[in-house]
C-alpha cells in the first residue's frame, strides 16, 4: 500500500511539474536543498572525524617549529621529558615536555601522550 502511495505521489509531482511552472521551480529548489543538505552533512561528518582523530593523537611535538617570541624558524628544541604518573586506565603514556628556543632562550612546556609500540 505504501509503495502505491509513493508511486502515485511521484507521478502527481511529475505531472504537476510539467503543467505548472511554479511546481517545477519549487521541486527544483527542494531537490537542490536536499542535495546541498546531504553534502553539508557528509562534509561536517568528515571534518568531525578528522578533528576527533587529531584530538585522540594529542598535541604534536614542538621540536623544529617556529618560536612564538622571536619568530625564528626551526629554533624550538626539546630540553627535557618527564614521565607523568597518572591515569592508568588509558593506553598511552603522559609526558611533560619542556622546549627551549635556541635563539632567544624562550621556554615552553606542554603535556604530550605517546602510544606504546606493540
Protein backbone atom coordinates (compact mmCIF):
# COMPACT_ATOMS: atom_id res chain seq x y z
CA UNK A 1 0.00 0.00 0.00
CA UNK A 2 2.84 2.41 0.92
CA UNK A 3 4.61 1.66 -2.34
CA UNK A 4 1.48 2.50 -4.32
CA UNK A 5 1.04 5.78 -2.41
CA UNK A 6 4.65 6.76 -3.08
CA UNK A 7 4.29 5.94 -6.78
CA UNK A 8 1.06 7.97 -7.05
CA UNK A 9 2.70 10.89 -5.21
CA UNK A 10 5.71 10.86 -7.53
CA UNK A 11 3.50 10.71 -10.62
CA UNK A 12 1.41 13.60 -9.29
CA UNK A 13 4.52 15.71 -8.71
CA UNK A 14 5.84 14.79 -12.18
CA UNK A 15 2.62 15.76 -13.98
CA UNK A 16 2.20 18.91 -11.86
CA UNK A 17 5.79 19.87 -12.72
CA UNK A 18 5.01 19.52 -16.42
CA UNK A 19 1.80 21.56 -16.36
CA UNK A 20 2.53 24.17 -13.68
CA UNK A 21 5.87 26.06 -13.75
CA UNK A 22 5.60 27.10 -10.08
CA UNK A 23 5.52 23.44 -9.04
CA UNK A 24 8.52 22.75 -11.29
CA UNK A 25 10.59 25.55 -9.73
CA UNK A 26 9.57 24.53 -6.24
CA UNK A 27 10.56 20.92 -6.99
CA UNK A 28 13.95 22.08 -8.33
CA UNK A 29 14.50 24.20 -5.24
CA UNK A 30 13.62 21.32 -2.91
CA UNK A 31 15.90 18.90 -4.80
CA UNK A 32 18.77 21.37 -4.67
CA UNK A 33 18.17 21.96 -0.95
CA UNK A 34 18.17 18.20 -0.25
CA UNK A 35 21.38 17.61 -2.22
CA UNK A 36 23.14 20.57 -0.61
CA UNK A 37 21.98 19.48 2.85
CA UNK A 38 23.28 15.96 2.27
CA UNK A 39 26.64 17.29 1.06
CA UNK A 40 26.83 19.59 4.07
CA UNK A 41 26.12 16.71 6.47
CA UNK A 42 28.73 14.50 4.79
CA UNK A 43 31.31 17.29 4.92
CA UNK A 44 30.54 18.00 8.58
CA UNK A 45 30.90 14.30 9.38
CA UNK A 46 34.29 14.14 7.69
CA UNK A 47 35.50 17.27 9.48
CA UNK A 48 34.32 15.98 12.87
CA UNK A 49 36.01 12.63 12.23
CA UNK A 50 39.28 14.38 11.38
CA UNK A 51 39.07 16.58 14.49
CA UNK A 52 38.30 13.57 16.69
CA UNK A 53 41.28 11.67 15.29
CA UNK A 54 43.54 14.68 15.86
CA UNK A 55 42.27 15.02 19.44
CA UNK A 56 42.99 11.36 20.16
CA UNK A 57 46.53 11.76 18.81
CA UNK A 58 47.14 14.58 21.27
CA UNK A 59 49.35 17.64 20.90
CA UNK A 60 52.17 17.32 18.38
CA UNK A 61 55.80 17.80 19.25
CA UNK A 62 57.07 21.36 19.05
CA UNK A 63 60.61 20.34 18.05
CA UNK A 64 61.74 22.15 14.93
CA UNK A 65 58.90 24.68 14.96
CA UNK A 66 58.91 28.49 14.99
CA UNK A 67 59.48 30.28 18.29
CA UNK A 68 56.44 32.25 19.48
CA UNK A 69 58.57 35.03 20.99
CA UNK A 70 61.30 35.78 18.41
CA UNK A 71 59.57 34.12 15.41
CA UNK A 72 62.79 32.32 14.38
CA UNK A 73 62.18 29.24 12.23
CA UNK A 74 63.18 25.76 13.42
CA UNK A 75 64.50 27.17 16.69
CA UNK A 76 62.49 25.16 19.24
CA UNK A 77 64.32 22.16 20.68
CA UNK A 78 63.29 19.63 23.33
CA UNK A 79 65.13 20.19 26.61
CA UNK A 80 63.56 17.68 28.98
CA UNK A 81 60.88 15.00 29.00
CA UNK A 82 59.37 13.84 32.30
CA UNK A 83 57.09 10.83 32.60
CA UNK A 84 53.89 11.69 34.46
CA UNK A 85 52.43 9.00 36.69
CA UNK A 86 48.74 9.42 36.30
CA UNK A 87 45.68 7.72 34.97
CA UNK A 88 46.40 4.04 34.32
CA UNK A 89 43.09 3.48 32.51
CA UNK A 90 44.36 4.94 29.23
CA UNK A 91 46.51 3.10 26.73
CA UNK A 92 49.12 5.84 26.26
CA UNK A 93 51.89 7.38 28.36
CA UNK A 94 51.75 11.02 29.53
CA UNK A 95 54.88 13.17 29.37
CA UNK A 96 55.58 16.73 30.45
CA UNK A 97 57.92 18.07 27.77
CA UNK A 98 59.89 21.31 28.08
CA UNK A 99 61.04 23.06 24.90
CA UNK A 100 63.56 25.88 24.61
CA UNK A 101 64.32 28.27 21.75
CA UNK A 102 67.96 28.05 20.65
CA UNK A 103 67.93 31.70 19.53
CA UNK A 104 66.33 33.62 22.42
CA UNK A 105 66.01 31.06 25.23
CA UNK A 106 62.20 31.27 25.46
CA UNK A 107 60.82 28.14 27.18
CA UNK A 108 57.53 26.38 26.54
CA UNK A 109 56.07 23.27 28.05
CA UNK A 110 53.23 21.01 27.08
CA UNK A 111 51.79 17.69 28.06
CA UNK A 112 52.07 15.02 25.38
CA UNK A 113 50.97 11.46 25.22
CA UNK A 114 52.66 8.67 23.33
CA UNK A 115 51.03 5.42 22.30
CA UNK A 116 53.21 2.42 23.21
CA UNK A 117 54.52 0.38 20.30
CA UNK A 118 53.06 -3.08 20.11
